[in-house]
Amino acid sequence: VACYYNRYDAVATLLAHGAHVEATDKGLKSSLMLAAGDGDLRILELLAGAGAPLDVQDANGDTALHHACRRGRTKCAKELIDRDANTGIMNLVGRTPRFEAEAAGKTQCAVDVSVAARMQQLRQ
């Protein structure tokens, strides 16, 4: 709920008191997915720093990176990639995060994610 309402202080307090960063809702959406989709970079960094799994998939096969890309949240997408989120995971309809950005008309996000993914490959 704290992530849904973009409440950074509440998320920080919950994590400090042992909240599970891997918890999901009924659709298997994680707090990290909510933060990525909402474009809340501060909460995303907080959750990822606390060990939230980057590549877990929801009931639709989407990862946090899919959620960020679909909504054009380039800063969150780049942060996930910088933390080594897998850019090649396909959801249940066969779309990668970059393709989700393209399909949603988020062209700049798709380009930025492509560049960041290529840089990730070169680092490995």
Protein backbone atom coordinates (compact mmCIF):
# COMPACT_ATOMS: atom_id res chain seq x y z
CA VAL A 1 0.00 0.00 0.00
CA ALA A 2 2.85 2.39 0.83
CA CYS A 3 4.34 1.86 -2.64
CA TYR A 4 0.95 2.21 -4.30
CA TYR A 5 0.60 5.69 -2.79
CA ASN A 6 4.28 6.62 -3.36
CA ARG A 7 4.95 7.04 0.36
CA TYR A 8 8.75 6.93 0.57
CA ASP A 9 8.86 7.47 4.34
CA ALA A 10 6.34 4.69 4.94
CA VAL A 11 8.28 2.29 2.69
CA ALA A 12 11.54 3.13 4.50
CA THR A 13 9.89 2.59 7.89
CA LEU A 14 8.36 -0.72 6.83
CA LEU A 15 11.69 -1.96 5.49
CA ALA A 16 13.45 -0.86 8.68
CA HIS A 17 10.98 -2.97 10.65
CA GLY A 18 11.50 -6.10 8.58
CA ALA A 19 8.91 -5.88 5.80
CA HIS A 20 9.50 -8.45 3.08
CA VAL A 21 10.66 -6.85 -0.17
CA GLU A 22 9.56 -9.93 -2.10
CA ALA A 23 5.89 -9.65 -1.09
CA THR A 24 3.37 -9.48 -3.95
CA ASP A 25 -0.31 -8.70 -4.41
CA LYS A 26 -2.90 -11.13 -5.83
CA GLY A 27 -1.67 -10.46 -9.36
CA LEU A 28 1.87 -11.25 -8.21
CA LYS A 29 2.90 -7.60 -8.61
CA SER A 30 5.74 -6.64 -6.31
CA SER A 31 6.38 -3.31 -4.66
CA LEU A 32 9.32 -2.87 -7.03
CA MET A 33 6.97 -3.25 -10.00
CA LEU A 34 4.64 -0.61 -8.57
CA ALA A 35 7.52 1.81 -8.00
CA ALA A 36 8.91 1.18 -11.49
CA GLY A 37 5.54 1.66 -13.17
CA ASP A 38 4.82 4.81 -11.19
CA GLY A 39 8.25 6.22 -12.00
CA ASP A 40 9.18 6.62 -8.35
CA LEU A 41 12.95 6.36 -8.60
CA ARG A 42 13.56 6.99 -4.89
CA ILE A 43 11.33 4.12 -3.79
CA LEU A 44 12.71 1.88 -6.53
CA GLU A 45 16.28 2.54 -5.32
CA LEU A 46 15.22 1.91 -1.73
CA LEU A 47 13.56 -1.42 -2.56
CA ALA A 48 16.34 -2.60 -4.88
CA GLY A 49 18.93 -1.64 -2.27
CA ALA A 50 17.02 -3.73 0.27
CA GLY A 51 17.29 -6.76 -1.98
CA ALA A 52 14.02 -6.73 -3.91
CA PRO A 53 14.32 -9.28 -6.73
CA LEU A 54 14.64 -7.47 -10.05
CA ASP A 55 13.51 -10.17 -12.45
CA VAL A 56 10.52 -11.71 -10.67
CA GLN A 57 7.48 -11.93 -12.96
CA ASP A 58 3.85 -11.11 -12.19
CA ALA A 59 0.80 -13.09 -13.36
CA ASN A 60 1.23 -11.60 -16.86
CA GLY A 61 4.92 -12.47 -17.01
CA ASP A 62 5.94 -8.83 -16.61
CA THR A 63 8.99 -7.77 -14.62
CA ALA A 64 9.58 -4.39 -13.00
CA LEU A 65 11.41 -3.43 -16.19
CA HIS A 66 8.32 -4.24 -18.29
CA HIS A 67 6.23 -2.02 -16.01
CA ALA A 68 8.71 0.87 -16.26
CA CYS A 69 9.02 0.61 -20.04
CA ARG A 70 5.28 0.31 -20.71
CA ARG A 71 4.73 3.62 -18.94
CA GLY A 72 7.81 5.37 -20.33
CA ARG A 73 9.61 5.57 -16.98
CA THR A 74 13.08 5.85 -18.50
CA LYS A 75 14.94 6.76 -15.30
CA CYS A 76 13.52 3.75 -13.49
CA ALA A 77 14.22 1.49 -16.46
CA LYS A 78 17.83 2.65 -16.63
CA GLU A 79 18.25 2.16 -12.88
CA LEU A 80 16.95 -1.40 -13.13
CA ILE A 81 19.29 -2.14 -16.02
CA ASP A 82 22.22 -0.58 -14.15
CA ARG A 83 21.41 -3.02 -11.34
CA ASP A 84 21.55 -5.87 -13.90
CA ALA A 85 17.85 -6.49 -14.50
CA ASN A 86 17.44 -8.93 -17.38
CA THR A 87 16.41 -7.02 -20.52
CA GLY A 88 15.52 -10.16 -22.49
CA ILE A 89 12.72 -11.62 -20.37
CA MET A 90 9.51 -12.05 -22.37
CA ASN A 91 6.09 -11.73 -20.81
CA LEU A 92 3.16 -14.07 -21.55
CA VAL A 93 2.47 -12.36 -24.89
CA GLY A 94 6.12 -12.63 -25.94
CA ARG A 95 7.16 -9.02 -25.38
CA THR A 96 10.47 -7.88 -23.95
CA PRO A 97 10.55 -4.65 -21.93
CA ARG A 98 11.86 -2.70 -24.94
CA PHE A 99 9.03 -4.01 -27.09
CA GLU A 100 6.53 -2.99 -24.39
CA ALA A 101 7.89 0.57 -24.59
CA GLU A 102 7.57 0.56 -28.39
CA ALA A 103 4.05 -0.89 -28.30
CA ALA A 104 2.98 1.79 -25.82
CA GLY A 105 4.38 4.56 -28.02
CA LYS A 106 7.17 5.36 -25.56
CA THR A 107 9.79 5.66 -28.30
CA GLN A 108 12.41 7.56 -26.31
CA CYS A 109 12.19 5.03 -23.49
CA ALA A 110 12.61 2.19 -26.01
CA VAL A 111 15.72 3.85 -27.46
CA ASP A 112 17.20 4.58 -24.04
CA VAL A 113 16.52 1.02 -22.86
CA SER A 114 18.15 -0.38 -26.00
CA VAL A 115 21.27 1.69 -25.40
CA ALA A 116 21.38 0.80 -21.69
CA ALA A 117 20.90 -2.89 -22.51
CA ARG A 118 23.76 -2.76 -25.01
CA MET A 119 25.99 -1.07 -22.44
CA GLN A 120 25.04 -3.81 -19.97
CA GLN A 121 26.12 -6.46 -22.48
CA LEU A 122 29.45 -4.73 -23.04
CA ARG A 123 30.13 -4.62 -19.28
CA GLN A 124 29.67 -8.38 -18.97
